Protein backbone atom coordinates (compact mmCIF):
# COMPACT_ATOMS: atom_id res chain seq x y z
CA MET A 1 2.84 2.96 -35.22
CA ALA A 2 3.32 4.12 -31.62
CA THR A 3 0.28 4.86 -29.50
CA ASP A 4 -0.10 7.60 -26.93
CA PRO A 5 0.52 6.55 -23.32
CA ILE A 6 -2.56 5.86 -21.24
CA ILE A 7 -0.81 7.32 -18.17
CA ARG A 8 1.69 10.15 -18.34
CA ALA A 9 3.44 11.94 -15.49
CA ASP A 10 5.71 14.81 -16.46
CA ASN A 11 8.05 16.30 -13.82
CA VAL A 12 5.47 15.75 -11.05
CA SER A 13 6.16 16.94 -7.51
CA LYS A 14 4.10 17.11 -4.34
CA THR A 15 5.01 19.27 -1.37
CA PHE A 16 3.14 19.34 1.93
CA GLN A 17 3.19 22.04 4.60
CA VAL A 18 3.62 20.42 8.02
CA ILE A 19 3.77 21.95 11.48
CA LYS A 20 7.20 22.11 13.07
CA ARG A 21 6.64 20.53 16.46
CA ARG A 22 8.46 21.90 19.48
CA PRO A 23 9.71 19.43 22.10
CA GLY A 24 8.18 19.07 25.54
CA PHE A 25 4.86 20.02 27.08
CA MET A 26 5.43 23.78 26.91
CA GLY A 27 6.67 23.44 23.34
CA GLY A 28 3.44 21.65 22.48
CA LEU A 29 1.39 24.50 23.96
CA LYS A 30 3.42 27.08 22.03
CA THR A 31 2.86 25.08 18.83
CA LEU A 32 -0.90 25.34 19.35
CA PHE A 33 -0.82 29.14 19.31
CA SER A 34 2.07 30.01 16.98
CA ALA A 35 2.82 27.19 14.62
CA ASP A 36 5.84 27.33 12.36
CA PHE A 37 5.58 25.34 9.16
CA GLN A 38 8.11 23.48 7.10
CA GLU A 39 7.87 22.03 3.61
CA VAL A 40 8.15 18.30 3.10
CA ARG A 41 8.65 17.11 -0.46
CA ALA A 42 6.88 13.75 -0.80
CA VAL A 43 7.40 13.41 -4.58
CA ASP A 44 10.26 15.15 -6.35
CA GLY A 45 10.04 15.66 -10.11
CA ILE A 46 9.11 12.18 -11.35
CA SER A 47 8.31 11.47 -14.99
CA PHE A 48 7.06 8.27 -16.62
CA GLU A 49 4.70 6.94 -19.26
CA ILE A 50 2.65 3.75 -19.24
CA GLY A 51 1.16 2.39 -22.44
CA ARG A 52 -2.20 0.67 -22.89
CA GLY A 53 -2.01 -2.95 -21.71
CA GLU A 54 1.39 -2.47 -20.09
CA LEU A 55 1.84 -4.16 -16.70
CA VAL A 56 3.97 -2.26 -14.19
CA GLY A 57 4.97 -2.46 -10.55
CA TYR A 58 5.61 0.68 -8.51
CA LEU A 59 8.08 -0.28 -5.81
CA GLY A 60 10.22 1.63 -3.34
CA PRO A 61 11.08 2.01 0.33
CA ASN A 62 8.75 3.54 2.91
CA GLY A 63 8.53 7.29 2.46
CA ALA A 64 9.55 7.23 -1.21
CA GLY A 65 6.29 8.81 -2.38
CA LYS A 66 4.57 5.76 -3.89
CA SER A 67 1.19 6.29 -2.22
CA THR A 68 1.31 10.03 -2.84
CA THR A 69 1.97 9.40 -6.53
CA ILE A 70 -0.94 6.94 -6.77
CA LYS A 71 -3.21 9.44 -5.00
CA MET A 72 -2.24 12.06 -7.59
CA LEU A 73 -2.93 9.58 -10.42
CA THR A 74 -6.41 8.96 -9.00
CA GLY A 75 -7.16 12.64 -8.44
CA VAL A 76 -7.29 12.42 -4.65
CA LEU A 77 -4.33 14.83 -4.48
CA ARG A 78 -3.34 17.65 -6.82
CA PRO A 79 0.34 17.82 -7.79
CA SER A 80 2.25 20.86 -6.54
CA ASP A 81 4.16 20.93 -9.85
CA GLY A 82 4.13 19.05 -13.13
CA GLU A 83 1.39 17.43 -15.15
CA ILE A 84 -0.49 14.13 -14.94
CA VAL A 85 -2.81 12.74 -17.60
CA VAL A 86 -4.67 9.44 -17.14
CA ASN A 87 -6.62 8.12 -20.13
CA GLY A 88 -6.84 11.63 -21.57
CA LEU A 89 -8.08 13.17 -18.28
CA VAL A 90 -6.40 15.40 -15.73
CA PRO A 91 -7.26 13.34 -12.62
CA TYR A 92 -7.84 16.12 -10.08
CA GLU A 93 -9.98 18.10 -12.55
CA GLU A 94 -12.19 15.15 -13.56
CA ARG A 95 -11.95 12.86 -10.57
CA GLY A 96 -15.41 11.28 -11.08
CA ARG A 97 -14.82 10.39 -14.74
CA ASN A 98 -11.31 9.19 -13.90
CA ALA A 99 -12.60 6.97 -11.07
CA LYS A 100 -14.92 5.11 -13.48
CA ASN A 101 -11.89 3.84 -15.41
CA ILE A 102 -9.44 2.90 -12.67
CA GLY A 103 -9.14 0.78 -9.56
CA VAL A 104 -6.76 1.24 -6.65
CA VAL A 105 -6.27 -0.84 -3.51
CA PHE A 106 -4.15 0.44 -0.63
CA GLY A 107 -2.93 -2.19 1.80
CA GLN A 108 -0.97 -2.90 4.96
CA ARG A 109 -3.86 -3.10 7.42
CA GLU A 110 -4.86 -6.57 6.27
CA GLN A 111 -1.73 -8.44 5.29
CA LEU A 112 -3.41 -11.74 4.45
CA ASN A 113 -4.42 -12.12 0.83
CA TRP A 114 -7.99 -13.38 1.10
CA ASP A 115 -7.71 -15.56 -1.99
CA LEU A 116 -4.50 -17.39 -1.02
CA PRO A 117 -3.78 -19.86 1.75
CA PRO A 118 -1.97 -18.03 4.59
CA ARG A 119 1.26 -19.97 4.04
CA ASP A 120 1.41 -18.73 0.42
CA THR A 121 0.71 -15.15 1.53
CA TYR A 122 3.55 -15.31 4.05
CA GLN A 123 5.88 -16.77 1.41
CA LEU A 124 4.99 -13.88 -0.89
CA MET A 125 5.72 -11.34 1.88
CA ARG A 126 8.98 -13.16 2.68
CA ARG A 127 10.12 -12.58 -0.90
CA MET A 128 8.83 -8.97 -0.99
CA TYR A 129 10.72 -8.03 2.19
CA SER A 130 13.85 -10.12 1.36
CA ILE A 131 13.63 -12.26 4.51
CA PRO A 132 16.17 -15.11 4.34
CA SER A 133 14.53 -18.54 4.03
CA ASP A 134 16.15 -19.95 7.17
CA LYS A 135 15.00 -17.01 9.32
CA PHE A 136 11.49 -17.24 7.84
CA ASP A 137 11.30 -21.00 8.48
CA ASN A 138 12.51 -20.56 12.09
CA ASN A 139 9.92 -17.83 12.77
CA LEU A 140 7.17 -19.90 11.18
CA ALA A 141 8.13 -22.91 13.32
CA MET A 142 7.75 -20.75 16.45
CA SER A 143 4.18 -19.75 15.56
CA PRO A 144 1.93 -20.79 18.42
CA SER A 145 -0.51 -23.63 17.95
CA SER A 146 -2.89 -21.43 19.96
CA TRP A 147 -3.52 -19.53 16.71
CA SER A 148 -6.09 -22.18 15.97
CA CYS A 149 -9.83 -21.81 16.12
CA ARG A 150 -11.24 -22.81 19.52
CA THR A 151 -13.47 -25.43 17.94
CA SER A 152 -10.84 -26.91 15.65
CA SER A 153 -7.38 -28.38 15.93
CA THR A 154 -6.40 -26.87 12.57
CA SER A 155 -3.72 -24.23 13.03
CA LEU A 156 -3.69 -20.87 11.26
CA PHE A 157 -1.38 -22.29 8.62
CA GLY A 158 -3.59 -25.28 8.06
CA SER A 159 -2.83 -28.88 8.94
CA SER A 160 -5.70 -30.28 6.90
CA PRO A 161 -5.46 -30.61 3.10
CA TRP A 162 -8.50 -28.30 2.79
CA ALA A 163 -6.88 -25.52 4.87
CA ARG A 164 -3.61 -25.76 2.92
CA ARG A 165 -5.29 -25.20 -0.47
CA CYS A 166 -8.14 -22.78 0.37
CA GLY A 167 -7.89 -19.03 0.62
CA VAL A 168 -8.63 -17.24 3.87
CA ARG A 169 -11.90 -15.94 2.38
CA SER A 170 -13.43 -19.42 2.61
CA TRP A 171 -12.39 -19.98 6.25
CA SER A 172 -14.73 -19.66 9.19
CA ARG A 173 -14.67 -16.27 10.93
CA CYS A 174 -12.97 -17.87 13.94
CA PHE A 175 -9.89 -18.33 11.77
CA THR A 176 -9.84 -14.78 10.44
CA ILE A 177 -10.79 -12.64 13.44
CA ARG A 178 -8.70 -13.14 16.55
CA LYS A 179 -8.71 -10.81 19.56
């Protein structure tokens, strides 16, 4: 017996109105007083279903609409077209109730995974961004030893057995905050 999907997106689109910028200083001034708009389609008619307990990855290049789609699934944004239902709720209509049942983490500001040793995090990113092993190893070898804490000779990647097996979360702040 088939069960209903816990997440359903049916022909969902999201279009934004953005200001058409004019080049140059004078163009910038003109834009302030008489802005022309253009439509940018961030998501274009996607449809999918996800069943209860199903594990999925939502991957694509920059600008493909991944974050916009997730924001629509959470109710942060309302779709321009189509329908989204998450656990029986329309996210933008019942954002509070929807938020009690979901969790979303947006990244890129902090690239280190706080629960993994830095070397493992970089290996994960190497695979995610399809960086050839030899190029990755060469870049890693060029990392400056000055990335170490002032009071320790342990480098960012960890020369001690403790640093190699512990996640960044357990490191001293001198390892994690560098200016």
